[in-house]
Amino acid sequence: MALKLTDLIDVKVLQEIQDGFSDVTGMAALTTDADGTAVTNGSNFTDFCMRYTRQSRIGCQRCEKCDRDGGAQTNRTGKAAAYVCHAGLMDFAAPIIVNGEFIGSFIGGQVLTEAPNETKFRGIAREIGVDPDEYIAALRKVKIVPKAKVEAAAKFLHTIAKNISSIAYTNYQMQQNNALLSRDISATTHTISRLDSITTANMRAITEMEEKFSELVKIADDCVAEVKATNDTVKVIQDIAMNTRILGFNASIEASRAKESGKGFGVIAQEVRSLADTSKNSADKIQNKMKSITGCVAKIDESANSMKELLQTSMDGMTELRHIMEEMQK
């Protein structure tokens, strides 16, 4: 982005400096931007220039071209330049340069260095469409200033321009630094905001996970309780099977004593014993499975509790990180 004089130096400040120069030297002064457009009001402008030359469409175009040309010349040399304007008056300009970039000029002058050739000025009046007699009357009011004084004023203007350039460059550096700082702050704020969002989302997820694991722990506890209850039932079945087997064994003994009359009873006793053995084997298998299930459920319970502790640690860390980010934003 191209630098602009008015972006770096307040117009009011430029106007005050320009008015002061004009008061000291008694010469007209104006401040323009890089393309020659005036950014201040003219100081001590002569009627010859303001009421006649610049009021003419052609004259104004020529004046603006002179301002641009004078500024371009000072930009090339980096020094104040004195020149005769299209209307025959002596003008001079000094460049305002910031960081090597031409951003404007101080323009002064609107004086004569010797008595004018009125015939020549009448010709200029006719060219720009101004009444020659009025033009000459205004010309006679223009100050005649020795060339040495004009050159001294040009040097003085150059000194002012250099100081303005220095001020403008300082403002430029401040703007650059502020822009960088603003970007850094914006980037940091954005990063903190993102971290805060991520942290909040993670804490929410961790909270949900903690709730799920709490449910899992409860389910595991319920499973352990059910397994224990089942195991107790299996023991009852084992006891019944054992008692049934004993009963069948006793029945077989009694059937043997009864001989022929006890044969049928012996067959039943044998079946009772066989059923008791089968019940006991089934109950033993169920008990073994219950032990295995109990071990698995215990491991689930242990893992769930361990995960719950890890989640709590993670949540504590997230909470601490969020507090740190909140402190950074203050």
C-alpha atoms as a PDB file:
ATOM      1  CA  MET A   1       0.000   0.000   0.000  1.00  0.00           C
ATOM      2  CA  ALA A   2       1.388   3.420  -1.044  1.00  0.00           C
ATOM      3  CA  LEU A   3       2.140   5.840   1.762  1.00  0.00           C
ATOM      4  CA  LYS A   4       0.119   9.043   1.929  1.00  0.00           C
ATOM      5  CA  LEU A   5       1.333  12.246   3.496  1.00  0.00           C
ATOM      6  CA  THR A   6      -1.931  12.838   5.345  1.00  0.00           C
ATOM      7  CA  ASP A   7      -1.830   9.312   6.780  1.00  0.00           C
ATOM      8  CA  LEU A   8       1.461  10.119   8.524  1.00  0.00           C
ATOM      9  CA  ILE A   9       1.213  13.835   9.349  1.00  0.00           C
ATOM     10  CA  ASP A  10      -1.937  15.547  10.516  1.00  0.00           C
ATOM     11  CA  VAL A  11      -3.157  18.214   8.072  1.00  0.00           C
ATOM     12  CA  LYS A  12      -3.523  20.696  10.932  1.00  0.00           C
ATOM     13  CA  VAL A  13       0.168  20.286  11.783  1.00  0.00           C
ATOM     14  CA  LEU A  14       1.145  20.750   8.131  1.00  0.00           C
ATOM     15  CA  GLN A  15      -0.973  23.885   7.940  1.00  0.00           C
ATOM     16  CA  GLU A  16       0.651  25.380  11.048  1.00  0.00           C
ATOM     17  CA  ILE A  17       4.168  24.681   9.774  1.00  0.00           C
ATOM     18  CA  GLN A  18       3.328  26.084   6.383  1.00  0.00           C
ATOM     19  CA  ASP A  19       1.723  29.248   7.829  1.00  0.00           C
ATOM     20  CA  GLY A  20       4.789  29.785  10.033  1.00  0.00           C
ATOM     21  CA  PHE A  21       7.142  29.527   7.057  1.00  0.00           C
ATOM     22  CA  SER A  22       5.011  31.957   5.093  1.00  0.00           C
ATOM     23  CA  ASP A  23       4.898  34.473   7.951  1.00  0.00           C
ATOM     24  CA  VAL A  24       8.689  34.349   8.397  1.00  0.00           C
ATOM     25  CA  THR A  25       9.580  34.678   4.709  1.00  0.00           C
ATOM     26  CA  GLY A  26       6.643  36.763   3.532  1.00  0.00           C
ATOM     27  CA  MET A  27       6.192  34.348   0.646  1.00  0.00           C
ATOM     28  CA  ALA A  28       3.302  32.114  -0.344  1.00  0.00           C
ATOM     29  CA  ALA A  29       3.363  28.461   0.686  1.00  0.00           C
ATOM     30  CA  LEU A  30       1.391  25.295  -0.003  1.00  0.00           C
ATOM     31  CA  THR A  31       1.700  21.592   0.829  1.00  0.00           C
ATOM     32  CA  THR A  32       0.888  18.949  -1.795  1.00  0.00           C
ATOM     33  CA  ASP A  33       0.802  15.183  -1.854  1.00  0.00           C
ATOM     34  CA  ALA A  34       2.835  13.005  -4.234  1.00  0.00           C
ATOM     35  CA  ASP A  35       0.638  13.704  -7.271  1.00  0.00           C
ATOM     36  CA  GLY A  36       0.654  17.461  -6.725  1.00  0.00           C
ATOM     37  CA  THR A  37      -2.799  17.748  -5.166  1.00  0.00           C
ATOM     38  CA  ALA A  38      -2.981  20.385  -2.419  1.00  0.00           C
ATOM     39  CA  VAL A  39      -3.529  19.006   1.080  1.00  0.00           C
ATOM     40  CA  THR A  40      -3.504  22.400   2.876  1.00  0.00           C
ATOM     41  CA  ASN A  41      -4.929  25.841   2.279  1.00  0.00           C
ATOM     42  CA  GLY A  42      -2.539  28.247   0.581  1.00  0.00           C
ATOM     43  CA  SER A  43      -0.706  30.662   2.876  1.00  0.00           C
ATOM     44  CA  ASN A  44      -0.227  34.292   1.733  1.00  0.00           C
ATOM     45  CA  PHE A  45      -1.189  33.468  -1.825  1.00  0.00           C
ATOM     46  CA  THR A  46      -1.187  36.534  -4.055  1.00  0.00           C
ATOM     47  CA  ASP A  47      -4.283  37.850  -5.774  1.00  0.00           C
ATOM     48  CA  PHE A  48      -2.296  37.482  -8.986  1.00  0.00           C
ATOM     49  CA  CYS A  49      -2.262  33.712  -8.456  1.00  0.00           C
ATOM     50  CA  MET A  50      -5.517  33.069  -6.605  1.00  0.00           C
ATOM     51  CA  ARG A  51      -7.971  35.578  -8.026  1.00  0.00           C
ATOM     52  CA  TYR A  52      -6.738  35.514 -11.585  1.00  0.00           C
ATOM     53  CA  THR A  53      -4.335  32.781 -12.664  1.00  0.00           C
ATOM     54  CA  ARG A  54      -5.902  29.889 -10.722  1.00  0.00           C
ATOM     55  CA  GLN A  55      -9.443  31.114 -11.330  1.00  0.00           C
ATOM     56  CA  SER A  56      -8.869  30.579 -15.023  1.00  0.00           C
ATOM     57  CA  ARG A  57      -9.452  27.000 -16.140  1.00  0.00           C
ATOM     58  CA  ILE A  58      -6.367  27.042 -18.336  1.00  0.00           C
ATOM     59  CA  GLY A  59      -4.354  28.945 -15.732  1.00  0.00           C
ATOM     60  CA  CYS A  60      -5.339  26.504 -12.972  1.00  0.00           C
ATOM     61  CA  GLN A  61      -4.332  23.510 -15.103  1.00  0.00           C
ATOM     62  CA  ARG A  62      -0.961  25.118 -15.765  1.00  0.00           C
ATOM     63  CA  CYS A  63      -0.477  25.906 -12.064  1.00  0.00           C
ATOM     64  CA  GLU A  64      -1.223  22.316 -11.067  1.00  0.00           C
ATOM     65  CA  LYS A  65       1.223  21.081 -13.718  1.00  0.00           C
ATOM     66  CA  CYS A  66       3.892  23.417 -12.356  1.00  0.00           C
ATOM     67  CA  ASP A  67       3.261  22.075  -8.847  1.00  0.00           C
ATOM     68  CA  ARG A  68       3.615  18.492 -10.077  1.00  0.00           C
ATOM     69  CA  ASP A  69       6.722  19.263 -12.115  1.00  0.00           C
ATOM     70  CA  GLY A  70       8.326  21.078  -9.189  1.00  0.00           C
ATOM     71  CA  GLY A  71       7.579  18.147  -6.907  1.00  0.00           C
ATOM     72  CA  ALA A  72       8.946  15.664  -9.459  1.00  0.00           C
ATOM     73  CA  GLN A  73      12.161  17.673  -9.783  1.00  0.00           C
ATOM     74  CA  THR A  74      12.710  17.716  -6.028  1.00  0.00           C
ATOM     75  CA  ASN A  75      11.963  13.989  -5.918  1.00  0.00           C
ATOM     76  CA  ARG A  76      14.715  13.324  -8.457  1.00  0.00           C
ATOM     77  CA  THR A  77      17.322  15.448  -6.674  1.00  0.00           C
ATOM     78  CA  GLY A  78      16.185  15.054  -3.081  1.00  0.00           C
ATOM     79  CA  LYS A  79      16.768  18.781  -2.631  1.00  0.00           C
ATOM     80  CA  ALA A  80      14.829  22.020  -2.839  1.00  0.00           C
ATOM     81  CA  ALA A  81      14.327  23.242  -6.400  1.00  0.00           C
ATOM     82  CA  ALA A  82      13.648  26.815  -7.558  1.00  0.00           C
ATOM     83  CA  TYR A  83      11.858  27.375 -10.854  1.00  0.00           C
ATOM     84  CA  VAL A  84       9.864  29.958 -12.772  1.00  0.00           C
ATOM     85  CA  CYS A  85       6.201  29.044 -13.065  1.00  0.00           C
ATOM     86  CA  HIS A  86       4.178  29.260 -16.260  1.00  0.00           C
ATOM     87  CA  ALA A  87       2.888  32.685 -15.209  1.00  0.00           C
ATOM     88  CA  GLY A  88       6.414  34.093 -14.815  1.00  0.00           C
ATOM     89  CA  LEU A  89       6.717  34.091 -11.000  1.00  0.00           C
ATOM     90  CA  MET A  90       9.549  32.457  -9.039  1.00  0.00           C
ATOM     91  CA  ASP A  91       8.493  29.325  -7.092  1.00  0.00           C
ATOM     92  CA  PHE A  92      10.436  26.668  -5.213  1.00  0.00           C
ATOM     93  CA  ALA A  93       9.668  23.275  -3.684  1.00  0.00           C
ATOM     94  CA  ALA A  94      11.202  20.835  -1.210  1.00  0.00           C
ATOM     95  CA  PRO A  95      10.436  17.091  -1.117  1.00  0.00           C
ATOM     96  CA  ILE A  96       8.925  15.163   1.783  1.00  0.00           C
ATOM     97  CA  ILE A  97      10.393  11.652   1.593  1.00  0.00           C
ATOM     98  CA  VAL A  98       9.579   8.756   3.915  1.00  0.00           C
ATOM     99  CA  ASN A  99      11.571   5.513   3.868  1.00  0.00           C
ATOM    100  CA  GLY A 100      12.868   6.431   0.428  1.00  0.00           C
ATOM    101  CA  GLU A 101       9.370   7.088  -0.908  1.00  0.00           C
ATOM    102  CA  PHE A 102       8.307  10.524  -2.176  1.00  0.00           C
ATOM    103  CA  ILE A 103       4.994  11.372  -0.511  1.00  0.00           C
ATOM    104  CA  GLY A 104       4.627  15.123  -1.006  1.00  0.00           C
ATOM    105  CA  SER A 105       6.181  18.574  -1.283  1.00  0.00           C
ATOM    106  CA  PHE A 106       6.325  21.958   0.383  1.00  0.00           C
ATOM    107  CA  ILE A 107       5.894  24.638  -2.262  1.00  0.00           C
ATOM    108  CA  GLY A 108       6.711  28.318  -1.785  1.00  0.00           C
ATOM    109  CA  GLY A 109       7.263  31.467  -3.790  1.00  0.00           C
ATOM    110  CA  GLN A 110       4.871  33.564  -5.880  1.00  0.00           C
ATOM    111  CA  VAL A 111       7.431  36.359  -6.031  1.00  0.00           C
ATOM    112  CA  LEU A 112       9.420  38.208  -8.669  1.00  0.00           C
ATOM    113  CA  THR A 113      13.205  38.545  -8.586  1.00  0.00           C
ATOM    114  CA  GLU A 114      13.188  41.580 -10.848  1.00  0.00           C
ATOM    115  CA  ALA A 115      10.803  44.117 -12.365  1.00  0.00           C
ATOM    116  CA  PRO A 116       8.401  42.284 -14.701  1.00  0.00           C
ATOM    117  CA  ASN A 117       8.031  42.715 -18.450  1.00  0.00           C
ATOM    118  CA  GLU A 118       4.374  43.759 -18.448  1.00  0.00           C
ATOM    119  CA  THR A 119       4.008  43.149 -22.180  1.00  0.00           C
ATOM    120  CA  LYS A 120       4.920  39.506 -21.634  1.00  0.00           C
ATOM    121  CA  PHE A 121       2.418  39.205 -18.790  1.00  0.00           C
ATOM    122  CA  ARG A 122      -0.351  40.741 -20.894  1.00  0.00           C
ATOM    123  CA  GLY A 123       0.257  37.979 -23.391  1.00  0.00           C
ATOM    124  CA  ILE A 124      -0.052  35.366 -20.641  1.00  0.00           C
ATOM    125  CA  ALA A 125      -3.338  36.979 -19.503  1.00  0.00           C
ATOM    126  CA  ARG A 126      -4.783  36.648 -23.005  1.00  0.00           C
ATOM    127  CA  GLU A 127      -3.642  32.991 -23.208  1.00  0.00           C
ATOM    128  CA  ILE A 128      -5.460  31.993 -20.060  1.00  0.00           C
ATOM    129  CA  GLY A 129      -8.529  34.179 -20.671  1.00  0.00           C
ATOM    130  CA  VAL A 130      -7.969  36.856 -18.019  1.00  0.00           C
ATOM    131  CA  ASP A 131      -8.472  40.608 -18.426  1.00  0.00           C
ATOM    132  CA  PRO A 132      -4.921  41.945 -19.140  1.00  0.00           C
ATOM    133  CA  ASP A 133      -5.403  45.245 -17.281  1.00  0.00           C
ATOM    134  CA  GLU A 134      -6.645  43.515 -14.107  1.00  0.00           C
ATOM    135  CA  TYR A 135      -3.890  40.964 -14.450  1.00  0.00           C
ATOM    136  CA  ILE A 136      -1.203  43.676 -14.660  1.00  0.00           C
ATOM    137  CA  ALA A 137      -2.755  45.516 -11.706  1.00  0.00           C
ATOM    138  CA  ALA A 138      -2.491  42.315  -9.627  1.00  0.00           C
ATOM    139  CA  LEU A 139       1.050  41.713 -10.926  1.00  0.00           C
ATOM    140  CA  ARG A 140       2.204  45.117  -9.650  1.00  0.00           C
ATOM    141  CA  LYS A 141       1.266  43.957  -6.112  1.00  0.00           C
ATOM    142  CA  VAL A 142       3.555  40.935  -6.292  1.00  0.00           C
ATOM    143  CA  LYS A 143       6.649  41.313  -4.132  1.00  0.00           C
ATOM    144  CA  ILE A 144      10.044  41.683  -5.770  1.00  0.00           C
ATOM    145  CA  VAL A 145      12.507  39.657  -3.700  1.00  0.00           C
ATOM    146  CA  PRO A 146      16.254  39.408  -4.361  1.00  0.00           C
ATOM    147  CA  LYS A 147      17.221  36.056  -5.803  1.00  0.00           C
ATOM    148  CA  ALA A 148      19.592  35.377  -2.859  1.00  0.00           C
ATOM    149  CA  LYS A 149      16.695  35.736  -0.434  1.00  0.00           C
ATOM    150  CA  VAL A 150      14.597  33.408  -2.541  1.00  0.00           C
ATOM    151  CA  GLU A 151      17.395  30.817  -2.484  1.00  0.00           C
ATOM    152  CA  ALA A 152      17.757  31.217   1.296  1.00  0.00           C
ATOM    153  CA  ALA A 153      14.009  30.692   1.685  1.00  0.00           C
ATOM    154  CA  ALA A 154      14.267  27.576  -0.481  1.00  0.00           C
ATOM    155  CA  LYS A 155      17.007  26.168   1.789  1.00  0.00           C
ATOM    156  CA  PHE A 156      14.934  27.019   4.836  1.00  0.00           C
ATOM    157  CA  LEU A 157      11.969  25.225   3.295  1.00  0.00           C
ATOM    158  CA  HIS A 158      14.220  22.257   2.553  1.00  0.00           C
ATOM    159  CA  THR A 159      15.258  22.105   6.229  1.00  0.00           C
ATOM    160  CA  ILE A 160      11.613  22.169   7.284  1.00  0.00           C
ATOM    161  CA  ALA A 161      10.822  19.435   4.742  1.00  0.00           C
ATOM    162  CA  LYS A 162      13.623  17.221   6.092  1.00  0.00           C
ATOM    163  CA  ASN A 163      12.296  17.609   9.633  1.00  0.00           C
ATOM    164  CA  ILE A 164       8.802  16.812   8.442  1.00  0.00           C
ATOM    165  CA  SER A 165      10.209  13.768   6.605  1.00  0.00           C
ATOM    166  CA  SER A 166      11.848  12.625   9.846  1.00  0.00           C
ATOM    167  CA  ILE A 167       8.595  13.029  11.782  1.00  0.00           C
ATOM    168  CA  ALA A 168       6.677  11.263   9.038  1.00  0.00           C
ATOM    169  CA  TYR A 169       9.185   8.399   9.003  1.00  0.00           C
ATOM    170  CA  THR A 170       8.876   8.010  12.773  1.00  0.00           C
ATOM    171  CA  ASN A 171       5.101   7.879  12.395  1.00  0.00           C
ATOM    172  CA  TYR A 172       5.517   5.375   9.577  1.00  0.00           C
ATOM    173  CA  GLN A 173       7.669   3.108  11.766  1.00  0.00           C
ATOM    174  CA  MET A 174       5.158   3.408  14.605  1.00  0.00           C
ATOM    175  CA  GLN A 175       2.353   2.450  12.250  1.00  0.00           C
ATOM    176  CA  GLN A 176       4.353  -0.534  10.987  1.00  0.00           C
ATOM    177  CA  ASN A 177       5.181  -1.647  14.525  1.00  0.00           C
ATOM    178  CA  ASN A 178       1.592  -1.152  15.638  1.00  0.00           C
ATOM    179  CA  ALA A 179       0.370  -3.148  12.643  1.00  0.00           C
ATOM    180  CA  LEU A 180       2.767  -6.001  13.472  1.00  0.00           C
ATOM    181  CA  LEU A 181       1.822  -5.859  17.144  1.00  0.00           C
ATOM    182  CA  SER A 182      -1.849  -5.816  16.232  1.00  0.00           C
ATOM    183  CA  ARG A 183      -1.395  -8.864  13.996  1.00  0.00           C
ATOM    184  CA  ASP A 184       0.567 -10.649  16.726  1.00  0.00           C
ATOM    185  CA  ILE A 185      -2.086  -9.843  19.318  1.00  0.00           C
ATOM    186  CA  SER A 186      -4.810 -10.891  16.907  1.00  0.00           C
ATOM    187  CA  ALA A 187      -3.000 -14.152  16.137  1.00  0.00           C
ATOM    188  CA  THR A 188      -2.400 -14.803  19.842  1.00  0.00           C
ATOM    189  CA  THR A 189      -6.000 -14.023  20.693  1.00  0.00           C
ATOM    190  CA  HIS A 190      -7.175 -16.290  17.895  1.00  0.00           C
ATOM    191  CA  THR A 191      -4.880 -19.067  19.096  1.00  0.00           C
ATOM    192  CA  ILE A 192      -6.036 -18.672  22.689  1.00  0.00           C
ATOM    193  CA  SER A 193      -9.630 -18.667  21.508  1.00  0.00           C
ATOM    194  CA  ARG A 194      -9.056 -21.875  19.566  1.00  0.00           C
ATOM    195  CA  LEU A 195      -7.282 -23.475  22.522  1.00  0.00           C
ATOM    196  CA  ASP A 196     -10.146 -22.437  24.764  1.00  0.00           C
ATOM    197  CA  SER A 197     -12.672 -23.971  22.356  1.00  0.00           C
ATOM    198  CA  ILE A 198     -10.642 -27.170  22.081  1.00  0.00           C
ATOM    199  CA  THR A 199     -10.179 -27.342  25.843  1.00  0.00           C
ATOM    200  CA  THR A 200     -13.882 -26.785  26.439  1.00  0.00           C
ATOM    201  CA  ALA A 201     -14.771 -29.490  23.916  1.00  0.00           C
ATOM    202  CA  ASN A 202     -12.241 -31.894  25.456  1.00  0.00           C
ATOM    203  CA  MET A 203     -13.512 -31.230  28.971  1.00  0.00           C
ATOM    204  CA  ARG A 204     -17.057 -31.860  27.787  1.00  0.00           C
ATOM    205  CA  ALA A 205     -15.981 -35.113  26.109  1.00  0.00           C
ATOM    206  CA  ILE A 206     -14.019 -36.181  29.172  1.00  0.00           C
ATOM    207  CA  THR A 207     -17.019 -35.440  31.399  1.00  0.00           C
ATOM    208  CA  GLU A 208     -19.221 -37.558  29.154  1.00  0.00           C
ATOM    209  CA  MET A 209     -16.621 -40.329  29.125  1.00  0.00           C
ATOM    210  CA  GLU A 210     -16.391 -40.176  32.893  1.00  0.00           C
ATOM    211  CA  GLU A 211     -20.143 -40.584  33.113  1.00  0.00           C
ATOM    212  CA  LYS A 212     -20.008 -43.560  30.753  1.00  0.00           C
ATOM    213  CA  PHE A 213     -17.216 -45.180  32.741  1.00  0.00           C
ATOM    214  CA  SER A 214     -19.153 -44.584  35.938  1.00  0.00           C
ATOM    215  CA  GLU A 215     -22.026 -46.455  34.323  1.00  0.00           C
ATOM    216  CA  LEU A 216     -19.608 -49.191  33.274  1.00  0.00           C
ATOM    217  CA  VAL A 217     -18.260 -49.485  36.821  1.00  0.00           C
ATOM    218  CA  LYS A 218     -21.822 -49.811  38.140  1.00  0.00           C
ATOM    219  CA  ILE A 219     -22.603 -52.475  35.529  1.00  0.00           C
ATOM    220  CA  ALA A 220     -19.418 -54.326  36.465  1.00  0.00           C
ATOM    221  CA  ASP A 221     -20.361 -54.143  40.146  1.00  0.00           C
ATOM    222  CA  ASP A 222     -23.848 -55.457  39.327  1.00  0.00           C
ATOM    223  CA  CYS A 223     -22.299 -58.273  37.281  1.00  0.00           C
ATOM    224  CA  VAL A 224     -20.025 -59.224  40.163  1.00  0.00           C
ATOM    225  CA  ALA A 225     -23.029 -59.285  42.499  1.00  0.00           C
ATOM    226  CA  GLU A 226     -25.012 -61.438  40.037  1.00  0.00           C
ATOM    227  CA  VAL A 227     -22.087 -63.805  39.588  1.00  0.00           C
ATOM    228  CA  LYS A 228     -21.719 -64.169  43.344  1.00  0.00           C
ATOM    229  CA  ALA A 229     -25.437 -64.866  43.666  1.00  0.00           C
ATOM    230  CA  THR A 230     -25.226 -67.436  40.874  1.00  0.00           C
ATOM    231  CA  ASN A 231     -22.193 -69.012  42.515  1.00  0.00           C
ATOM    232  CA  ASP A 232     -24.166 -69.404  45.747  1.00  0.00           C
ATOM    233  CA  THR A 233     -26.956 -71.090  43.792  1.00  0.00           C
ATOM    234  CA  VAL A 234     -24.465 -73.468  42.178  1.00  0.00           C
ATOM    235  CA  LYS A 235     -23.198 -74.443  45.616  1.00  0.00           C
ATOM    236  CA  VAL A 236     -26.748 -75.272  46.665  1.00  0.00           C
ATOM    237  CA  ILE A 237     -27.128 -77.437  43.556  1.00  0.00           C
ATOM    238  CA  GLN A 238     -23.849 -79.149  44.356  1.00  0.00           C
ATOM    239  CA  ASP A 239     -25.035 -79.848  47.895  1.00  0.00           C
ATOM    240  CA  ILE A 240     -28.331 -81.253  46.612  1.00  0.00           C
ATOM    241  CA  ALA A 241     -26.489 -83.411  44.100  1.00  0.00           C
ATOM    242  CA  MET A 242     -24.187 -84.702  46.798  1.00  0.00           C
ATOM    243  CA  ASN A 243     -27.095 -85.506  49.112  1.00  0.00           C
ATOM    244  CA  THR A 244     -28.980 -87.150  46.246  1.00  0.00           C
ATOM    245  CA  ARG A 245     -25.954 -89.299  45.433  1.00  0.00           C
ATOM    246  CA  ILE A 246     -25.669 -90.330  49.066  1.00  0.00           C
ATOM    247  CA  LEU A 247     -29.382 -91.091  49.087  1.00  0.00           C
ATOM    248  CA  GLY A 248     -29.026 -93.182  45.914  1.00  0.00           C
ATOM    249  CA  PHE A 249     -26.065 -95.037  47.375  1.00  0.00           C
ATOM    250  CA  ASN A 250     -28.028 -95.852  50.542  1.00  0.00           C
ATOM    251  CA  ALA A 251     -30.987 -96.945  48.418  1.00  0.00           C
ATOM    252  CA  SER A 252     -28.732 -99.363  46.495  1.00  0.00           C
ATOM    253  CA  ILE A 253     -27.558-100.888  49.775  1.00  0.00           C
ATOM    254  CA  GLU A 254     -31.136-101.408  50.916  1.00  0.00           C
ATOM    255  CA  ALA A 255     -32.074-102.888  47.528  1.00  0.00           C
ATOM    256  CA  SER A 256     -29.233-105.426  47.838  1.00  0.00           C
ATOM    257  CA  ARG A 257     -30.510-106.499  51.204  1.00  0.00           C
ATOM    258  CA  ALA A 258     -34.022-106.940  49.839  1.00  0.00           C
ATOM    259  CA  LYS A 259     -32.650-109.198  47.035  1.00  0.00           C
ATOM    260  CA  GLU A 260     -35.324-110.109  44.454  1.00  0.00           C
ATOM    261  CA  SER A 261     -37.966-107.807  45.852  1.00  0.00           C
ATOM    262  CA  GLY A 262     -35.559-104.883  45.840  1.00  0.00           C
ATOM    263  CA  LYS A 263     -34.284-105.205  42.242  1.00  0.00           C
ATOM    264  CA  GLY A 264     -36.608-102.510  40.862  1.00  0.00           C
ATOM    265  CA  PHE A 265     -35.772-100.250  43.709  1.00  0.00           C
ATOM    266  CA  GLY A 266     -32.074-100.830  42.979  1.00  0.00           C
ATOM    267  CA  VAL A 267     -32.491 -99.743  39.365  1.00  0.00           C
ATOM    268  CA  ILE A 268     -34.154 -96.538  40.537  1.00  0.00           C
ATOM    269  CA  ALA A 269     -31.411 -95.991  43.088  1.00  0.00           C
ATOM    270  CA  GLN A 270     -28.807 -96.404  40.332  1.00  0.00           C
ATOM    271  CA  GLU A 271     -30.597 -93.822  38.182  1.00  0.00           C
ATOM    272  CA  VAL A 272     -30.790 -91.457  41.126  1.00  0.00           C
ATOM    273  CA  ARG A 273     -27.044 -91.835  41.666  1.00  0.00           C
ATOM    274  CA  SER A 274     -26.389 -91.286  37.958  1.00  0.00           C
ATOM    275  CA  LEU A 275     -28.595 -88.161  37.988  1.00  0.00           C
ATOM    276  CA  ALA A 276     -26.802 -86.887  41.077  1.00  0.00           C
ATOM    277  CA  ASP A 277     -23.408 -87.403  39.402  1.00  0.00           C
ATOM    278  CA  THR A 278     -24.602 -85.600  36.258  1.00  0.00           C
ATOM    279  CA  SER A 279     -26.012 -82.698  38.332  1.00  0.00           C
ATOM    280  CA  LYS A 280     -22.771 -82.442  40.273  1.00  0.00           C
ATOM    281  CA  ASN A 281     -20.641 -82.417  37.101  1.00  0.00           C
ATOM    282  CA  SER A 282     -22.872 -79.742  35.549  1.00  0.00           C
ATOM    283  CA  ALA A 283     -22.762 -77.692  38.724  1.00  0.00           C
ATOM    284  CA  ASP A 284     -18.949 -78.013  38.820  1.00  0.00           C
ATOM    285  CA  LYS A 285     -18.672 -76.835  35.219  1.00  0.00           C
ATOM    286  CA  ILE A 286     -20.988 -73.915  35.938  1.00  0.00           C
ATOM    287  CA  GLN A 287     -18.925 -73.058  38.999  1.00  0.00           C
ATOM    288  CA  ASN A 288     -15.716 -73.057  36.920  1.00  0.00           C
ATOM    289  CA  LYS A 289     -17.341 -70.795  34.348  1.00  0.00           C
ATOM    290  CA  MET A 290     -18.559 -68.505  37.090  1.00  0.00           C
ATOM    291  CA  LYS A 291     -15.022 -68.256  38.426  1.00  0.00           C
ATOM    292  CA  SER A 292     -13.753 -67.350  34.968  1.00  0.00           C
ATOM    293  CA  ILE A 293     -16.533 -64.772  34.505  1.00  0.00           C
ATOM    294  CA  THR A 294     -15.857 -63.411  37.963  1.00  0.00           C
ATOM    295  CA  GLY A 295     -12.190 -62.919  37.020  1.00  0.00           C
ATOM    296  CA  CYS A 296     -13.109 -61.119  33.782  1.00  0.00           C
ATOM    297  CA  VAL A 297     -15.627 -58.899  35.502  1.00  0.00           C
ATOM    298  CA  ALA A 298     -13.041 -58.105  38.181  1.00  0.00           C
ATOM    299  CA  LYS A 299     -10.574 -57.086  35.461  1.00  0.00           C
ATOM    300  CA  ILE A 300     -13.248 -54.899  33.826  1.00  0.00           C
ATOM    301  CA  ASP A 301     -13.957 -53.326  37.176  1.00  0.00           C
ATOM    302  CA  GLU A 302     -10.244 -52.712  37.774  1.00  0.00           C
ATOM    303  CA  SER A 303      -9.707 -51.248  34.274  1.00  0.00           C
ATOM    304  CA  ALA A 304     -12.761 -49.008  34.565  1.00  0.00           C
ATOM    305  CA  ASN A 305     -11.573 -47.640  37.896  1.00  0.00           C
ATOM    306  CA  SER A 306      -8.085 -47.079  36.494  1.00  0.00           C
ATOM    307  CA  MET A 307      -9.509 -45.288  33.428  1.00  0.00           C
ATOM    308  CA  LYS A 308     -11.673 -43.160  35.674  1.00  0.00           C
ATOM    309  CA  GLU A 309      -8.571 -42.005  37.541  1.00  0.00           C
ATOM    310  CA  LEU A 310      -6.790 -41.186  34.281  1.00  0.00           C
ATOM    311  CA  LEU A 311      -9.821 -39.229  33.056  1.00  0.00           C
ATOM    312  CA  GLN A 312      -9.904 -37.272  36.296  1.00  0.00           C
ATOM    313  CA  THR A 313      -6.211 -36.433  35.924  1.00  0.00           C
ATOM    314  CA  SER A 314      -6.817 -35.321  32.321  1.00  0.00           C
ATOM    315  CA  MET A 315      -9.768 -33.192  33.373  1.00  0.00           C
ATOM    316  CA  ASP A 316      -7.715 -31.559  36.105  1.00  0.00           C
ATOM    317  CA  GLY A 317      -5.012 -30.739  33.530  1.00  0.00           C
ATOM    318  CA  MET A 318      -7.568 -29.251  31.135  1.00  0.00           C
ATOM    319  CA  THR A 319      -9.021 -27.135  33.925  1.00  0.00           C
ATOM    320  CA  GLU A 320      -5.572 -25.826  34.823  1.00  0.00           C
ATOM    321  CA  LEU A 321      -4.833 -25.049  31.129  1.00  0.00           C
ATOM    322  CA  ARG A 322      -8.068 -23.124  30.842  1.00  0.00           C
ATOM    323  CA  HIS A 323      -7.230 -21.065  33.931  1.00  0.00           C
ATOM    324  CA  ILE A 324      -3.817 -20.240  32.408  1.00  0.00           C
ATOM    325  CA  MET A 325      -5.445 -19.086  29.134  1.00  0.00           C
ATOM    326  CA  GLU A 326      -7.934 -16.951  31.037  1.00  0.00           C
ATOM    327  CA  GLU A 327      -5.035 -15.281  32.846  1.00  0.00           C
ATOM    328  CA  MET A 328      -3.284 -14.655  29.496  1.00  0.00           C
ATOM    329  CA  GLN A 329      -6.374 -12.900  28.119  1.00  0.00           C
ATOM    330  CA  LYS A 330      -6.544 -10.454  31.064  1.00  0.00           C
END
